[in-house]
């Protein structure tokens, strides 16, 4: 019996890097949904809702298109041509400061403001991962987990903010920063999962896949270190750059 086909409902290069580094054969089918928070919605509720919505929307689209038999975007040249069972993974990340959700900045001014607000302070990064198992034309099982990490930012200067914003790097990242950025290096330390801050908590992903019938072993500490630049959370609670 062939293993389930795994589909990543995201165009995020960081999430794709984790799938590739973990050796999970997958295809890419980005979700197209509205990602704005609902009125009165907490950051945790928002990421949980959006992660599940991404997975379900892609599943619904693929079922309507004939169970998603288009394999042109497979990351693995040896991926099987068809599957009767599919696991679709959706994820969403938000930076939460003083209870407010900070998503991706819409322009340079917004990125600059976010970085100024975060400077020298603690905040939360919440990442939800949802996995939905499809068989035939409907979802068969689903599970979701929210990973929360406390991040402490360093006291970077205004000049460093300007250089970082002018590079364009903050524009596709929640909170306008990336922990793995070696030049800006915005994070002083964190308590929790560095991979979750980067957008995909690897241990949670593998656990969800296992629960849905695709056991894939444990997390490689080297994978997390290589992707994030921080020690894996499975090695230590309080982490800082290597």
C-alpha atoms as a PDB file:
ATOM      1  CA  UNK A   1       0.000   0.000   0.000  1.00  0.00           C
ATOM      2  CA  UNK A   2       1.419   3.344  -1.032  1.00  0.00           C
ATOM      3  CA  UNK A   3       1.841   6.029   1.639  1.00  0.00           C
ATOM      4  CA  UNK A   4      -0.488   9.046   1.578  1.00  0.00           C
ATOM      5  CA  UNK A   5       0.340  11.872  -0.739  1.00  0.00           C
ATOM      6  CA  UNK A   6       1.321  14.957   1.282  1.00  0.00           C
ATOM      7  CA  UNK A   7       0.387  18.412   0.004  1.00  0.00           C
ATOM      8  CA  UNK A   8       1.636  21.667   1.487  1.00  0.00           C
ATOM      9  CA  UNK A   9      -1.038  24.374   1.279  1.00  0.00           C
ATOM     10  CA  UNK A  10       1.528  27.174   1.344  1.00  0.00           C
ATOM     11  CA  UNK A  11       3.803  29.126  -0.969  1.00  0.00           C
ATOM     12  CA  UNK A  12       6.175  29.942   1.909  1.00  0.00           C
ATOM     13  CA  UNK A  13       9.796  29.175   0.977  1.00  0.00           C
ATOM     14  CA  UNK A  14      10.609  28.613   4.664  1.00  0.00           C
ATOM     15  CA  UNK A  15       7.945  25.916   5.066  1.00  0.00           C
ATOM     16  CA  UNK A  16       9.030  24.244   1.854  1.00  0.00           C
ATOM     17  CA  UNK A  17      12.612  24.206   3.123  1.00  0.00           C
ATOM     18  CA  UNK A  18      11.529  22.320   6.248  1.00  0.00           C
ATOM     19  CA  UNK A  19       9.653  19.694   4.233  1.00  0.00           C
ATOM     20  CA  UNK A  20      12.666  19.214   1.993  1.00  0.00           C
ATOM     21  CA  UNK A  21      15.152  19.084   4.873  1.00  0.00           C
ATOM     22  CA  UNK A  22      13.013  16.528   6.716  1.00  0.00           C
ATOM     23  CA  UNK A  23      12.897  14.371   3.591  1.00  0.00           C
ATOM     24  CA  UNK A  24       9.115  14.440   3.231  1.00  0.00           C
ATOM     25  CA  UNK A  25       7.973  14.025  -0.406  1.00  0.00           C
ATOM     26  CA  UNK A  26       5.345  16.658  -1.044  1.00  0.00           C
ATOM     27  CA  UNK A  27       3.600  18.790  -3.630  1.00  0.00           C
ATOM     28  CA  UNK A  28       2.773  22.485  -3.361  1.00  0.00           C
ATOM     29  CA  UNK A  29      -0.751  23.835  -3.674  1.00  0.00           C
ATOM     30  CA  UNK A  30      -0.933  27.318  -2.109  1.00  0.00           C
ATOM     31  CA  UNK A  31      -4.199  28.230  -0.416  1.00  0.00           C
ATOM     32  CA  UNK A  32      -6.064  31.335  -1.537  1.00  0.00           C
ATOM     33  CA  UNK A  33      -8.044  32.608   1.443  1.00  0.00           C
ATOM     34  CA  UNK A  34      -8.596  35.894   3.252  1.00  0.00           C
ATOM     35  CA  UNK A  35      -6.107  36.064   6.140  1.00  0.00           C
ATOM     36  CA  UNK A  36      -7.423  39.058   8.061  1.00  0.00           C
ATOM     37  CA  UNK A  37      -8.375  38.507  11.719  1.00  0.00           C
ATOM     38  CA  UNK A  38     -12.066  38.264  12.563  1.00  0.00           C
ATOM     39  CA  UNK A  39     -13.518  40.933  14.881  1.00  0.00           C
ATOM     40  CA  UNK A  40     -12.440  40.260  18.471  1.00  0.00           C
ATOM     41  CA  UNK A  41     -10.393  37.212  17.474  1.00  0.00           C
ATOM     42  CA  UNK A  42      -7.344  36.379  19.596  1.00  0.00           C
ATOM     43  CA  UNK A  43      -3.987  35.693  17.894  1.00  0.00           C
ATOM     44  CA  UNK A  44      -4.121  31.998  18.851  1.00  0.00           C
ATOM     45  CA  UNK A  45      -7.693  31.572  17.608  1.00  0.00           C
ATOM     46  CA  UNK A  46      -6.783  33.305  14.368  1.00  0.00           C
ATOM     47  CA  UNK A  47      -3.806  31.098  13.463  1.00  0.00           C
ATOM     48  CA  UNK A  48      -5.737  27.954  14.380  1.00  0.00           C
ATOM     49  CA  UNK A  49      -8.671  28.987  12.185  1.00  0.00           C
ATOM     50  CA  UNK A  50      -6.501  30.029   9.240  1.00  0.00           C
ATOM     51  CA  UNK A  51      -4.285  26.927   9.270  1.00  0.00           C
ATOM     52  CA  UNK A  52      -7.338  24.677   9.148  1.00  0.00           C
ATOM     53  CA  UNK A  53      -9.032  26.851   6.517  1.00  0.00           C
ATOM     54  CA  UNK A  54      -5.969  26.666   4.268  1.00  0.00           C
ATOM     55  CA  UNK A  55      -5.827  22.875   4.389  1.00  0.00           C
ATOM     56  CA  UNK A  56      -9.570  22.452   3.871  1.00  0.00           C
ATOM     57  CA  UNK A  57      -9.778  24.996   1.033  1.00  0.00           C
ATOM     58  CA  UNK A  58      -6.982  23.307  -0.901  1.00  0.00           C
ATOM     59  CA  UNK A  59      -8.570  19.908  -0.310  1.00  0.00           C
ATOM     60  CA  UNK A  60     -11.921  21.149  -1.559  1.00  0.00           C
ATOM     61  CA  UNK A  61     -10.305  22.678  -4.640  1.00  0.00           C
ATOM     62  CA  UNK A  62      -8.381  19.522  -5.489  1.00  0.00           C
ATOM     63  CA  UNK A  63     -11.428  17.327  -5.055  1.00  0.00           C
ATOM     64  CA  UNK A  64     -13.321  19.532  -7.506  1.00  0.00           C
ATOM     65  CA  UNK A  65     -10.425  19.357  -9.953  1.00  0.00           C
ATOM     66  CA  UNK A  66     -10.398  15.571  -9.928  1.00  0.00           C
ATOM     67  CA  UNK A  67      -8.593  14.616  -6.711  1.00  0.00           C
ATOM     68  CA  UNK A  68      -5.551  16.734  -7.564  1.00  0.00           C
ATOM     69  CA  UNK A  69      -3.908  14.534 -10.154  1.00  0.00           C
ATOM     70  CA  UNK A  70      -1.692  17.352 -11.468  1.00  0.00           C
ATOM     71  CA  UNK A  71       1.790  16.328 -10.306  1.00  0.00           C
ATOM     72  CA  UNK A  72       3.787  19.058 -12.026  1.00  0.00           C
ATOM     73  CA  UNK A  73       4.762  20.724  -8.746  1.00  0.00           C
ATOM     74  CA  UNK A  74       6.107  17.670  -6.962  1.00  0.00           C
ATOM     75  CA  UNK A  75       9.289  18.378  -5.037  1.00  0.00           C
ATOM     76  CA  UNK A  76      10.436  14.786  -5.486  1.00  0.00           C
ATOM     77  CA  UNK A  77      11.004  13.490  -9.023  1.00  0.00           C
ATOM     78  CA  UNK A  78      10.218   9.977  -7.802  1.00  0.00           C
ATOM     79  CA  UNK A  79       6.889  10.893  -6.210  1.00  0.00           C
ATOM     80  CA  UNK A  80       4.087   8.504  -7.211  1.00  0.00           C
ATOM     81  CA  UNK A  81       1.768   9.640  -9.969  1.00  0.00           C
ATOM     82  CA  UNK A  82      -1.484   9.190  -8.065  1.00  0.00           C
ATOM     83  CA  UNK A  83      -2.861   8.521  -4.603  1.00  0.00           C
ATOM     84  CA  UNK A  84      -6.272   7.672  -3.273  1.00  0.00           C
ATOM     85  CA  UNK A  85      -5.344   9.175   0.124  1.00  0.00           C
ATOM     86  CA  UNK A  86      -4.017  12.692   0.571  1.00  0.00           C
ATOM     87  CA  UNK A  87      -2.827  14.587   3.635  1.00  0.00           C
ATOM     88  CA  UNK A  88      -2.994  18.339   3.220  1.00  0.00           C
ATOM     89  CA  UNK A  89      -0.984  20.513   5.603  1.00  0.00           C
ATOM     90  CA  UNK A  90      -1.900  24.122   6.290  1.00  0.00           C
ATOM     91  CA  UNK A  91       0.020  26.508   8.553  1.00  0.00           C
ATOM     92  CA  UNK A  92      -0.264  30.074   9.749  1.00  0.00           C
ATOM     93  CA  UNK A  93       2.014  32.273  11.860  1.00  0.00           C
ATOM     94  CA  UNK A  94       1.371  35.480  13.754  1.00  0.00           C
ATOM     95  CA  UNK A  95       3.483  37.695  15.989  1.00  0.00           C
ATOM     96  CA  UNK A  96       1.535  38.812  19.072  1.00  0.00           C
ATOM     97  CA  UNK A  97       2.590  41.957  20.932  1.00  0.00           C
ATOM     98  CA  UNK A  98       0.475  43.215  23.857  1.00  0.00           C
ATOM     99  CA  UNK A  99      -2.362  40.976  22.629  1.00  0.00           C
ATOM    100  CA  UNK A 100      -2.292  42.490  19.127  1.00  0.00           C
ATOM    101  CA  UNK A 101      -1.680  40.348  16.044  1.00  0.00           C
ATOM    102  CA  UNK A 102       1.143  41.508  13.798  1.00  0.00           C
ATOM    103  CA  UNK A 103       0.991  39.858  10.393  1.00  0.00           C
ATOM    104  CA  UNK A 104       3.011  40.595   7.284  1.00  0.00           C
ATOM    105  CA  UNK A 105       3.666  44.309   6.744  1.00  0.00           C
ATOM    106  CA  UNK A 106       1.878  45.900   3.807  1.00  0.00           C
ATOM    107  CA  UNK A 107       4.621  48.448   3.100  1.00  0.00           C
ATOM    108  CA  UNK A 108       8.006  49.714   4.298  1.00  0.00           C
ATOM    109  CA  UNK A 109       6.494  52.140   6.808  1.00  0.00           C
ATOM    110  CA  UNK A 110       4.496  49.357   8.445  1.00  0.00           C
ATOM    111  CA  UNK A 111       7.568  47.110   8.577  1.00  0.00           C
ATOM    112  CA  UNK A 112       9.588  49.898  10.181  1.00  0.00           C
ATOM    113  CA  UNK A 113       6.893  50.525  12.795  1.00  0.00           C
ATOM    114  CA  UNK A 114       6.645  46.832  13.675  1.00  0.00           C
ATOM    115  CA  UNK A 115      10.387  46.508  14.171  1.00  0.00           C
ATOM    116  CA  UNK A 116      10.490  49.634  16.325  1.00  0.00           C
ATOM    117  CA  UNK A 117       7.682  48.324  18.520  1.00  0.00           C
ATOM    118  CA  UNK A 118       9.333  44.919  18.933  1.00  0.00           C
ATOM    119  CA  UNK A 119      12.815  46.256  19.663  1.00  0.00           C
ATOM    120  CA  UNK A 120      14.225  45.188  23.036  1.00  0.00           C
ATOM    121  CA  UNK A 121      10.948  43.545  24.086  1.00  0.00           C
ATOM    122  CA  UNK A 122       9.403  40.116  24.552  1.00  0.00           C
ATOM    123  CA  UNK A 123       6.554  38.959  22.355  1.00  0.00           C
ATOM    124  CA  UNK A 124       4.820  35.722  21.371  1.00  0.00           C
ATOM    125  CA  UNK A 125       4.983  33.938  18.044  1.00  0.00           C
ATOM    126  CA  UNK A 126       2.071  31.562  17.483  1.00  0.00           C
ATOM    127  CA  UNK A 127       2.184  29.050  14.639  1.00  0.00           C
ATOM    128  CA  UNK A 128      -0.679  26.667  13.961  1.00  0.00           C
ATOM    129  CA  UNK A 129      -0.242  23.520  11.875  1.00  0.00           C
ATOM    130  CA  UNK A 130      -3.322  21.713  10.599  1.00  0.00           C
ATOM    131  CA  UNK A 131      -3.310  18.389   8.779  1.00  0.00           C
ATOM    132  CA  UNK A 132      -6.374  16.987   7.042  1.00  0.00           C
ATOM    133  CA  UNK A 133      -6.577  13.460   5.650  1.00  0.00           C
ATOM    134  CA  UNK A 134      -8.692  13.168   2.508  1.00  0.00           C
ATOM    135  CA  UNK A 135      -9.946   9.894   1.057  1.00  0.00           C
ATOM    136  CA  UNK A 136     -12.209   9.888  -1.954  1.00  0.00           C
ATOM    137  CA  UNK A 137     -14.072  13.181  -2.177  1.00  0.00           C
ATOM    138  CA  UNK A 138     -14.258  14.279   1.456  1.00  0.00           C
ATOM    139  CA  UNK A 139     -12.100  14.915   4.538  1.00  0.00           C
ATOM    140  CA  UNK A 140     -11.696  11.752   6.588  1.00  0.00           C
ATOM    141  CA  UNK A 141      -9.798  13.035   9.645  1.00  0.00           C
ATOM    142  CA  UNK A 142      -8.213  16.268  10.815  1.00  0.00           C
ATOM    143  CA  UNK A 143      -5.936  17.497  13.591  1.00  0.00           C
ATOM    144  CA  UNK A 144      -4.414  20.834  14.507  1.00  0.00           C
ATOM    145  CA  UNK A 145      -1.868  22.117  17.010  1.00  0.00           C
ATOM    146  CA  UNK A 146      -0.783  25.630  17.998  1.00  0.00           C
ATOM    147  CA  UNK A 147       2.867  26.164  18.910  1.00  0.00           C
ATOM    148  CA  UNK A 148       3.659  29.266  21.012  1.00  0.00           C
ATOM    149  CA  UNK A 149       7.116  30.692  21.646  1.00  0.00           C
ATOM    150  CA  UNK A 150       8.324  33.703  23.647  1.00  0.00           C
ATOM    151  CA  UNK A 151      10.839  35.734  21.647  1.00  0.00           C
ATOM    152  CA  UNK A 152      13.157  38.383  23.075  1.00  0.00           C
ATOM    153  CA  UNK A 153      14.379  40.918  20.527  1.00  0.00           C
ATOM    154  CA  UNK A 154      17.726  42.628  20.822  1.00  0.00           C
ATOM    155  CA  UNK A 155      18.130  46.414  20.989  1.00  0.00           C
ATOM    156  CA  UNK A 156      18.988  46.966  17.324  1.00  0.00           C
ATOM    157  CA  UNK A 157      19.515  50.535  16.145  1.00  0.00           C
ATOM    158  CA  UNK A 158      17.374  52.726  13.881  1.00  0.00           C
ATOM    159  CA  UNK A 159      20.086  52.479  11.239  1.00  0.00           C
ATOM    160  CA  UNK A 160      19.898  48.676  11.352  1.00  0.00           C
ATOM    161  CA  UNK A 161      16.133  48.863  10.927  1.00  0.00           C
ATOM    162  CA  UNK A 162      16.509  51.121   7.886  1.00  0.00           C
ATOM    163  CA  UNK A 163      19.043  48.804   6.263  1.00  0.00           C
ATOM    164  CA  UNK A 164      16.871  45.780   6.898  1.00  0.00           C
ATOM    165  CA  UNK A 165      13.695  47.427   5.593  1.00  0.00           C
ATOM    166  CA  UNK A 166      15.467  48.717   2.489  1.00  0.00           C
ATOM    167  CA  UNK A 167      16.574  45.159   1.693  1.00  0.00           C
ATOM    168  CA  UNK A 168      12.922  44.160   1.262  1.00  0.00           C
ATOM    169  CA  UNK A 169      13.381  41.118   3.487  1.00  0.00           C
ATOM    170  CA  UNK A 170      10.691  42.002   6.080  1.00  0.00           C
ATOM    171  CA  UNK A 171       7.844  42.211   3.582  1.00  0.00           C
ATOM    172  CA  UNK A 172       6.752  38.550   3.478  1.00  0.00           C
ATOM    173  CA  UNK A 173       7.256  37.771   7.165  1.00  0.00           C
ATOM    174  CA  UNK A 174       4.937  38.014  10.156  1.00  0.00           C
ATOM    175  CA  UNK A 175       6.182  40.769  12.451  1.00  0.00           C
ATOM    176  CA  UNK A 176       8.529  41.957   9.670  1.00  0.00           C
ATOM    177  CA  UNK A 177      11.496  39.812  10.709  1.00  0.00           C
ATOM    178  CA  UNK A 178      13.106  36.412  10.302  1.00  0.00           C
ATOM    179  CA  UNK A 179      15.009  34.751  13.134  1.00  0.00           C
ATOM    180  CA  UNK A 180      17.320  33.067  10.607  1.00  0.00           C
ATOM    181  CA  UNK A 181      18.477  36.367   9.072  1.00  0.00           C
ATOM    182  CA  UNK A 182      22.194  36.377   9.867  1.00  0.00           C
ATOM    183  CA  UNK A 183      22.862  39.990   8.874  1.00  0.00           C
ATOM    184  CA  UNK A 184      20.091  41.618  10.901  1.00  0.00           C
ATOM    185  CA  UNK A 185      20.043  38.898  13.600  1.00  0.00           C
ATOM    186  CA  UNK A 186      17.061  40.467  15.404  1.00  0.00           C
ATOM    187  CA  UNK A 187      16.521  37.868  18.133  1.00  0.00           C
ATOM    188  CA  UNK A 188      18.462  37.894  21.387  1.00  0.00           C
ATOM    189  CA  UNK A 189      16.939  34.688  22.770  1.00  0.00           C
ATOM    190  CA  UNK A 190      13.740  32.675  22.802  1.00  0.00           C
ATOM    191  CA  UNK A 191      11.867  30.197  24.967  1.00  0.00           C
ATOM    192  CA  UNK A 192      10.141  27.583  22.867  1.00  0.00           C
ATOM    193  CA  UNK A 193      10.449  26.339  19.297  1.00  0.00           C
ATOM    194  CA  UNK A 194      12.711  28.208  16.847  1.00  0.00           C
ATOM    195  CA  UNK A 195      11.182  26.263  13.939  1.00  0.00           C
ATOM    196  CA  UNK A 196       7.748  27.468  15.028  1.00  0.00           C
ATOM    197  CA  UNK A 197       8.974  31.069  14.931  1.00  0.00           C
ATOM    198  CA  UNK A 198      10.243  30.413  11.406  1.00  0.00           C
ATOM    199  CA  UNK A 199       6.784  29.182  10.415  1.00  0.00           C
ATOM    200  CA  UNK A 200       6.696  25.393  10.801  1.00  0.00           C
ATOM    201  CA  UNK A 201       7.327  23.560  14.108  1.00  0.00           C
ATOM    202  CA  UNK A 202       8.950  20.377  12.807  1.00  0.00           C
ATOM    203  CA  UNK A 203       8.137  18.125  15.772  1.00  0.00           C
ATOM    204  CA  UNK A 204       4.454  19.097  15.646  1.00  0.00           C
ATOM    205  CA  UNK A 205       4.330  18.510  11.896  1.00  0.00           C
ATOM    206  CA  UNK A 206       5.779  15.005  12.166  1.00  0.00           C
ATOM    207  CA  UNK A 207       3.453  14.129  15.037  1.00  0.00           C
ATOM    208  CA  UNK A 208       0.381  15.205  13.046  1.00  0.00           C
ATOM    209  CA  UNK A 209       1.497  13.255   9.989  1.00  0.00           C
ATOM    210  CA  UNK A 210       1.989  10.187  12.169  1.00  0.00           C
ATOM    211  CA  UNK A 211      -1.479  10.546  13.690  1.00  0.00           C
ATOM    212  CA  UNK A 212      -2.958  10.577  10.176  1.00  0.00           C
ATOM    213  CA  UNK A 213      -1.134   7.463   9.010  1.00  0.00           C
ATOM    214  CA  UNK A 214       2.176   8.781   7.703  1.00  0.00           C
ATOM    215  CA  UNK A 215       4.805   7.990  10.400  1.00  0.00           C
ATOM    216  CA  UNK A 216       8.029   9.693   9.488  1.00  0.00           C
ATOM    217  CA  UNK A 217      10.388   9.227  12.434  1.00  0.00           C
ATOM    218  CA  UNK A 218      11.677  11.881  14.810  1.00  0.00           C
ATOM    219  CA  UNK A 219      12.963  15.387  14.332  1.00  0.00           C
ATOM    220  CA  UNK A 220      16.605  15.758  13.451  1.00  0.00           C
ATOM    221  CA  UNK A 221      18.202  18.362  15.690  1.00  0.00           C
ATOM    222  CA  UNK A 222      20.574  19.133  12.850  1.00  0.00           C
ATOM    223  CA  UNK A 223      17.656  19.994  10.563  1.00  0.00           C
ATOM    224  CA  UNK A 224      16.271  22.559  12.999  1.00  0.00           C
ATOM    225  CA  UNK A 225      19.686  24.056  13.666  1.00  0.00           C
ATOM    226  CA  UNK A 226      20.483  24.320   9.976  1.00  0.00           C
ATOM    227  CA  UNK A 227      17.164  25.983   9.132  1.00  0.00           C
ATOM    228  CA  UNK A 228      16.816  28.401  12.064  1.00  0.00           C
ATOM    229  CA  UNK A 229      20.332  29.088  13.316  1.00  0.00           C
ATOM    230  CA  UNK A 230      19.152  28.182  16.846  1.00  0.00           C
ATOM    231  CA  UNK A 231      19.357  25.020  18.914  1.00  0.00           C
ATOM    232  CA  UNK A 232      16.399  22.691  18.507  1.00  0.00           C
ATOM    233  CA  UNK A 233      13.783  23.075  21.255  1.00  0.00           C
ATOM    234  CA  UNK A 234      14.005  19.315  21.820  1.00  0.00           C
ATOM    235  CA  UNK A 235      17.550  19.917  23.086  1.00  0.00           C
ATOM    236  CA  UNK A 236      16.955  22.845  25.455  1.00  0.00           C
ATOM    237  CA  UNK A 237      14.144  25.032  26.727  1.00  0.00           C
ATOM    238  CA  UNK A 238      15.847  28.410  26.518  1.00  0.00           C
ATOM    239  CA  UNK A 239      17.586  28.831  23.190  1.00  0.00           C
ATOM    240  CA  UNK A 240      19.913  31.386  21.691  1.00  0.00           C
ATOM    241  CA  UNK A 241      21.931  31.523  18.459  1.00  0.00           C
ATOM    242  CA  UNK A 242      24.506  28.799  17.943  1.00  0.00           C
END
